[in-house]
Amino acid sequence: MVSGTPPDAQNAIPDSLVRELKELIIEALMLNDMTPDEIDSSAPLLAEGLGLDSIDVLELAMALNKRYGVKTQADDERNREIFASVDNLARFIAEQQRLGLANA
């Protein structure tokens, strides 16, 4: 038996990170009529969900880079998955932080 942190705990998304991301989305995209509680963490960010378009995603990517130091490439095929929901964004940032590629 291997000791250490269980795999599920390693992949757990901190609630504080999810909350920060919701606040960042509201701030970066000037969605001043929304509150973090109104954004469903698992709902789509694009199209039918929050309704973000490509310009919104670009602005959000720049805000994520500024706040967390994470970088996404425009031609990265994972972008659709990364920006699919707040939960996916949080998982991506947490993964980058674990790898030392993002600010905590």
N, C-alpha and C. Protein backbone atom coordinates (compact mmCIF):
# COMPACT_ATOMS: atom_id res chain seq x y z
N MET A 1 0.84 -1.18 0.00
CA MET A 1 0.00 0.00 0.00
C MET A 1 0.89 1.25 0.00
N VAL A 2 0.57 2.19 -0.84
CA VAL A 2 1.35 3.41 -0.95
C VAL A 2 0.72 4.47 -0.06
N SER A 3 1.56 5.12 0.73
CA SER A 3 1.03 6.19 1.58
C SER A 3 1.09 7.51 0.84
N GLY A 4 0.42 8.48 1.39
CA GLY A 4 0.42 9.81 0.77
C GLY A 4 -0.99 10.29 0.55
N THR A 5 -1.10 11.32 -0.25
CA THR A 5 -2.40 11.92 -0.52
C THR A 5 -3.17 11.06 -1.52
N PRO A 6 -4.42 10.74 -1.22
CA PRO A 6 -5.22 9.97 -2.18
C PRO A 6 -5.35 10.72 -3.50
N PRO A 7 -5.44 9.98 -4.64
CA PRO A 7 -5.54 10.65 -5.94
C PRO A 7 -6.70 11.63 -6.02
N ASP A 8 -7.86 11.29 -5.44
CA ASP A 8 -9.00 12.22 -5.48
C ASP A 8 -8.69 13.52 -4.78
N ALA A 9 -7.94 13.46 -3.67
CA ALA A 9 -7.58 14.67 -2.94
C ALA A 9 -6.61 15.52 -3.75
N GLN A 10 -5.74 14.86 -4.51
CA GLN A 10 -4.78 15.60 -5.33
C GLN A 10 -5.50 16.38 -6.43
N ASN A 11 -6.61 15.83 -6.93
CA ASN A 11 -7.34 16.46 -8.02
C ASN A 11 -8.48 17.34 -7.53
N ALA A 12 -8.65 17.44 -6.22
CA ALA A 12 -9.73 18.25 -5.67
C ALA A 12 -9.49 19.72 -6.01
N ILE A 13 -10.56 20.40 -6.31
CA ILE A 13 -10.47 21.82 -6.65
C ILE A 13 -10.82 22.62 -5.40
N PRO A 14 -9.90 23.46 -4.94
CA PRO A 14 -10.22 24.28 -3.75
C PRO A 14 -11.40 25.22 -4.02
N ASP A 15 -12.35 25.24 -3.09
CA ASP A 15 -13.50 26.14 -3.21
C ASP A 15 -13.07 27.59 -3.35
N SER A 16 -11.97 27.94 -2.67
CA SER A 16 -11.50 29.32 -2.73
C SER A 16 -11.05 29.68 -4.14
N LEU A 17 -10.46 28.73 -4.86
CA LEU A 17 -10.03 28.98 -6.24
C LEU A 17 -11.24 29.16 -7.15
N VAL A 18 -12.26 28.33 -6.97
CA VAL A 18 -13.47 28.45 -7.77
C VAL A 18 -14.11 29.82 -7.54
N ARG A 19 -14.19 30.24 -6.29
CA ARG A 19 -14.78 31.55 -5.95
C ARG A 19 -13.96 32.67 -6.59
N GLU A 20 -12.61 32.59 -6.47
CA GLU A 20 -11.73 33.61 -7.08
C GLU A 20 -11.96 33.70 -8.59
N LEU A 21 -12.09 32.54 -9.22
CA LEU A 21 -12.30 32.54 -10.68
C LEU A 21 -13.62 33.19 -11.06
N LYS A 22 -14.65 32.90 -10.31
CA LYS A 22 -15.94 33.53 -10.59
C LYS A 22 -15.85 35.04 -10.44
N GLU A 23 -15.16 35.49 -9.40
CA GLU A 23 -14.97 36.93 -9.19
C GLU A 23 -14.14 37.54 -10.32
N LEU A 24 -13.10 36.81 -10.75
CA LEU A 24 -12.25 37.28 -11.84
C LEU A 24 -13.04 37.38 -13.15
N ILE A 25 -13.89 36.41 -13.42
CA ILE A 25 -14.72 36.44 -14.63
C ILE A 25 -15.61 37.68 -14.61
N ILE A 26 -16.24 37.93 -13.47
CA ILE A 26 -17.13 39.09 -13.35
C ILE A 26 -16.35 40.39 -13.55
N GLU A 27 -15.19 40.47 -12.92
CA GLU A 27 -14.37 41.69 -13.01
C GLU A 27 -13.80 41.87 -14.41
N ALA A 28 -13.17 40.83 -14.96
CA ALA A 28 -12.49 40.94 -16.25
C ALA A 28 -13.46 41.21 -17.40
N LEU A 29 -14.66 40.65 -17.30
CA LEU A 29 -15.62 40.79 -18.39
C LEU A 29 -16.70 41.82 -18.08
N MET A 30 -16.51 42.55 -16.98
CA MET A 30 -17.41 43.61 -16.56
C MET A 30 -18.87 43.14 -16.52
N LEU A 31 -19.08 42.01 -15.88
CA LEU A 31 -20.42 41.46 -15.70
C LEU A 31 -20.97 41.93 -14.36
N ASN A 32 -21.01 43.24 -14.20
CA ASN A 32 -21.33 43.85 -12.91
C ASN A 32 -22.73 43.54 -12.40
N ASP A 33 -23.60 43.06 -13.27
CA ASP A 33 -24.96 42.72 -12.83
C ASP A 33 -25.05 41.29 -12.30
N MET A 34 -23.91 40.59 -12.24
CA MET A 34 -23.88 39.20 -11.74
C MET A 34 -23.12 39.12 -10.43
N THR A 35 -23.41 38.06 -9.68
CA THR A 35 -22.65 37.75 -8.47
C THR A 35 -21.99 36.38 -8.68
N PRO A 36 -20.93 36.09 -7.95
CA PRO A 36 -20.29 34.77 -8.08
C PRO A 36 -21.27 33.61 -7.86
N ASP A 37 -22.22 33.79 -6.97
CA ASP A 37 -23.19 32.73 -6.69
C ASP A 37 -24.10 32.43 -7.88
N GLU A 38 -24.22 33.37 -8.80
CA GLU A 38 -25.08 33.18 -9.97
C GLU A 38 -24.38 32.39 -11.09
N ILE A 39 -23.08 32.18 -10.95
CA ILE A 39 -22.33 31.44 -11.96
C ILE A 39 -22.21 30.00 -11.49
N ASP A 40 -22.80 29.09 -12.26
CA ASP A 40 -22.74 27.66 -11.96
C ASP A 40 -21.36 27.16 -12.36
N SER A 41 -20.65 26.58 -11.42
CA SER A 41 -19.27 26.13 -11.65
C SER A 41 -19.15 25.08 -12.74
N SER A 42 -20.19 24.28 -12.92
CA SER A 42 -20.11 23.21 -13.91
C SER A 42 -20.82 23.56 -15.23
N ALA A 43 -21.48 24.69 -15.27
CA ALA A 43 -22.19 25.10 -16.49
C ALA A 43 -21.20 25.58 -17.55
N PRO A 44 -21.57 25.42 -18.81
CA PRO A 44 -20.69 25.90 -19.89
C PRO A 44 -20.47 27.42 -19.80
N LEU A 45 -19.25 27.84 -20.09
CA LEU A 45 -18.96 29.27 -20.14
C LEU A 45 -19.28 29.84 -21.51
N LEU A 46 -19.17 29.01 -22.52
CA LEU A 46 -19.36 29.45 -23.90
C LEU A 46 -20.80 29.25 -24.35
N ALA A 47 -21.17 30.00 -25.33
CA ALA A 47 -22.48 29.87 -26.00
C ALA A 47 -23.65 29.78 -25.04
N GLU A 48 -24.26 28.59 -24.93
CA GLU A 48 -25.52 28.45 -24.20
C GLU A 48 -25.40 28.63 -22.69
N GLY A 49 -24.22 28.55 -22.13
CA GLY A 49 -24.05 28.73 -20.70
C GLY A 49 -24.00 30.20 -20.33
N LEU A 50 -22.84 30.66 -19.93
CA LEU A 50 -22.66 32.07 -19.57
C LEU A 50 -22.69 32.96 -20.81
N GLY A 51 -22.48 32.36 -21.96
CA GLY A 51 -22.61 33.09 -23.22
C GLY A 51 -21.35 33.82 -23.65
N LEU A 52 -20.19 33.37 -23.20
CA LEU A 52 -18.95 34.03 -23.60
C LEU A 52 -18.65 33.76 -25.06
N ASP A 53 -18.09 34.77 -25.74
CA ASP A 53 -17.66 34.60 -27.12
C ASP A 53 -16.13 34.58 -27.14
N SER A 54 -15.55 34.52 -28.33
CA SER A 54 -14.10 34.38 -28.46
C SER A 54 -13.35 35.58 -27.89
N ILE A 55 -13.91 36.76 -28.01
CA ILE A 55 -13.27 37.96 -27.45
C ILE A 55 -13.29 37.89 -25.92
N ASP A 56 -14.40 37.43 -25.34
CA ASP A 56 -14.48 37.26 -23.89
C ASP A 56 -13.44 36.26 -23.41
N VAL A 57 -13.29 35.16 -24.14
CA VAL A 57 -12.32 34.13 -23.75
C VAL A 57 -10.91 34.70 -23.81
N LEU A 58 -10.62 35.51 -24.83
CA LEU A 58 -9.31 36.14 -24.94
C LEU A 58 -9.06 37.07 -23.74
N GLU A 59 -10.04 37.87 -23.39
CA GLU A 59 -9.90 38.77 -22.24
C GLU A 59 -9.73 37.98 -20.94
N LEU A 60 -10.49 36.90 -20.81
CA LEU A 60 -10.38 36.06 -19.63
C LEU A 60 -9.00 35.40 -19.56
N ALA A 61 -8.50 34.95 -20.70
CA ALA A 61 -7.16 34.34 -20.75
C ALA A 61 -6.09 35.34 -20.30
N MET A 62 -6.23 36.58 -20.72
CA MET A 62 -5.27 37.62 -20.31
C MET A 62 -5.38 37.89 -18.81
N ALA A 63 -6.59 37.90 -18.28
CA ALA A 63 -6.79 38.11 -16.84
C ALA A 63 -6.21 36.94 -16.04
N LEU A 64 -6.38 35.72 -16.54
CA LEU A 64 -5.82 34.54 -15.87
C LEU A 64 -4.30 34.59 -15.87
N ASN A 65 -3.74 35.04 -17.00
CA ASN A 65 -2.29 35.17 -17.08
C ASN A 65 -1.79 36.19 -16.07
N LYS A 66 -2.47 37.31 -15.99
CA LYS A 66 -2.05 38.38 -15.08
C LYS A 66 -2.17 37.94 -13.62
N ARG A 67 -3.27 37.28 -13.27
CA ARG A 67 -3.52 36.89 -11.88
C ARG A 67 -2.74 35.66 -11.45
N TYR A 68 -2.70 34.63 -12.31
CA TYR A 68 -2.11 33.34 -11.92
C TYR A 68 -0.82 33.00 -12.65
N GLY A 69 -0.50 33.76 -13.70
CA GLY A 69 0.72 33.48 -14.46
C GLY A 69 0.57 32.30 -15.41
N VAL A 70 -0.65 31.83 -15.62
CA VAL A 70 -0.86 30.71 -16.55
C VAL A 70 -0.97 31.25 -17.96
N LYS A 71 -0.48 30.46 -18.89
CA LYS A 71 -0.54 30.87 -20.28
C LYS A 71 -1.21 29.78 -21.09
N THR A 72 -2.08 30.20 -21.97
CA THR A 72 -2.68 29.29 -22.94
C THR A 72 -2.30 29.82 -24.31
N GLN A 73 -2.15 28.91 -25.23
CA GLN A 73 -1.80 29.29 -26.60
C GLN A 73 -3.06 29.31 -27.44
N ALA A 74 -3.15 30.25 -28.36
CA ALA A 74 -4.35 30.39 -29.20
C ALA A 74 -4.63 29.12 -29.99
N ASP A 75 -3.58 28.40 -30.38
CA ASP A 75 -3.77 27.21 -31.21
C ASP A 75 -3.80 25.91 -30.40
N ASP A 76 -3.88 26.02 -29.07
CA ASP A 76 -3.90 24.83 -28.22
C ASP A 76 -5.27 24.16 -28.33
N GLU A 77 -5.26 22.90 -28.75
CA GLU A 77 -6.53 22.19 -28.92
C GLU A 77 -7.24 21.92 -27.59
N ARG A 78 -6.56 22.10 -26.46
CA ARG A 78 -7.18 21.92 -25.15
C ARG A 78 -7.98 23.13 -24.70
N ASN A 79 -7.88 24.25 -25.39
CA ASN A 79 -8.56 25.48 -24.96
C ASN A 79 -10.06 25.31 -24.78
N ARG A 80 -10.69 24.60 -25.69
CA ARG A 80 -12.14 24.41 -25.59
C ARG A 80 -12.48 23.66 -24.31
N GLU A 81 -11.64 22.69 -23.95
CA GLU A 81 -11.85 21.95 -22.70
C GLU A 81 -11.52 22.81 -21.49
N ILE A 82 -10.40 23.53 -21.54
CA ILE A 82 -9.97 24.37 -20.41
C ILE A 82 -11.02 25.42 -20.09
N PHE A 83 -11.55 26.06 -21.12
CA PHE A 83 -12.51 27.15 -20.94
C PHE A 83 -13.97 26.68 -20.97
N ALA A 84 -14.19 25.37 -20.83
CA ALA A 84 -15.55 24.83 -20.89
C ALA A 84 -16.40 25.24 -19.71
N SER A 85 -15.79 25.36 -18.52
CA SER A 85 -16.55 25.70 -17.31
C SER A 85 -15.59 26.28 -16.27
N VAL A 86 -16.14 26.85 -15.22
CA VAL A 86 -15.32 27.35 -14.12
C VAL A 86 -14.55 26.19 -13.49
N ASP A 87 -15.22 25.05 -13.32
CA ASP A 87 -14.54 23.89 -12.74
C ASP A 87 -13.33 23.48 -13.58
N ASN A 88 -13.48 23.46 -14.91
CA ASN A 88 -12.36 23.10 -15.77
C ASN A 88 -11.23 24.13 -15.66
N LEU A 89 -11.57 25.39 -15.61
CA LEU A 89 -10.55 26.43 -15.44
C LEU A 89 -9.81 26.23 -14.11
N ALA A 90 -10.56 25.96 -13.06
CA ALA A 90 -9.96 25.76 -11.74
C ALA A 90 -9.04 24.54 -11.75
N ARG A 91 -9.47 23.45 -12.40
CA ARG A 91 -8.63 22.25 -12.50
C ARG A 91 -7.33 22.57 -13.23
N PHE A 92 -7.45 23.32 -14.34
CA PHE A 92 -6.27 23.69 -15.13
C PHE A 92 -5.30 24.52 -14.30
N ILE A 93 -5.81 25.52 -13.60
CA ILE A 93 -4.95 26.39 -12.80
C ILE A 93 -4.32 25.60 -11.66
N ALA A 94 -5.10 24.77 -10.98
CA ALA A 94 -4.56 23.95 -9.88
C ALA A 94 -3.46 23.02 -10.39
N GLU A 95 -3.67 22.45 -11.58
CA GLU A 95 -2.67 21.57 -12.18
C GLU A 95 -1.39 22.36 -12.48
N GLN A 96 -1.55 23.54 -13.06
CA GLN A 96 -0.39 24.39 -13.37
C GLN A 96 0.35 24.80 -12.10
N GLN A 97 -0.40 25.06 -11.02
CA GLN A 97 0.22 25.41 -9.74
C GLN A 97 1.01 24.22 -9.19
N ARG A 98 0.44 23.01 -9.28
CA ARG A 98 1.14 21.81 -8.80
C ARG A 98 2.43 21.59 -9.57
N LEU A 99 2.40 21.92 -10.87
CA LEU A 99 3.58 21.74 -11.70
C LEU A 99 4.57 22.90 -11.58
N GLY A 100 4.20 23.92 -10.79
CA GLY A 100 5.07 25.08 -10.64
C GLY A 100 5.02 26.04 -11.80
N LEU A 101 3.97 25.95 -12.61
CA LEU A 101 3.84 26.79 -13.81
C LEU A 101 2.88 27.94 -13.62
N ALA A 102 2.35 28.09 -12.39
CA ALA A 102 1.39 29.15 -12.12
C ALA A 102 1.62 29.70 -10.71
N ASN A 103 1.20 30.94 -10.51
CA ASN A 103 1.27 31.56 -9.19
C ASN A 103 0.19 30.98 -8.30
N ALA A 104 0.52 30.83 -7.04
CA ALA A 104 -0.48 30.31 -6.09
C ALA A 104 -1.39 31.43 -5.64
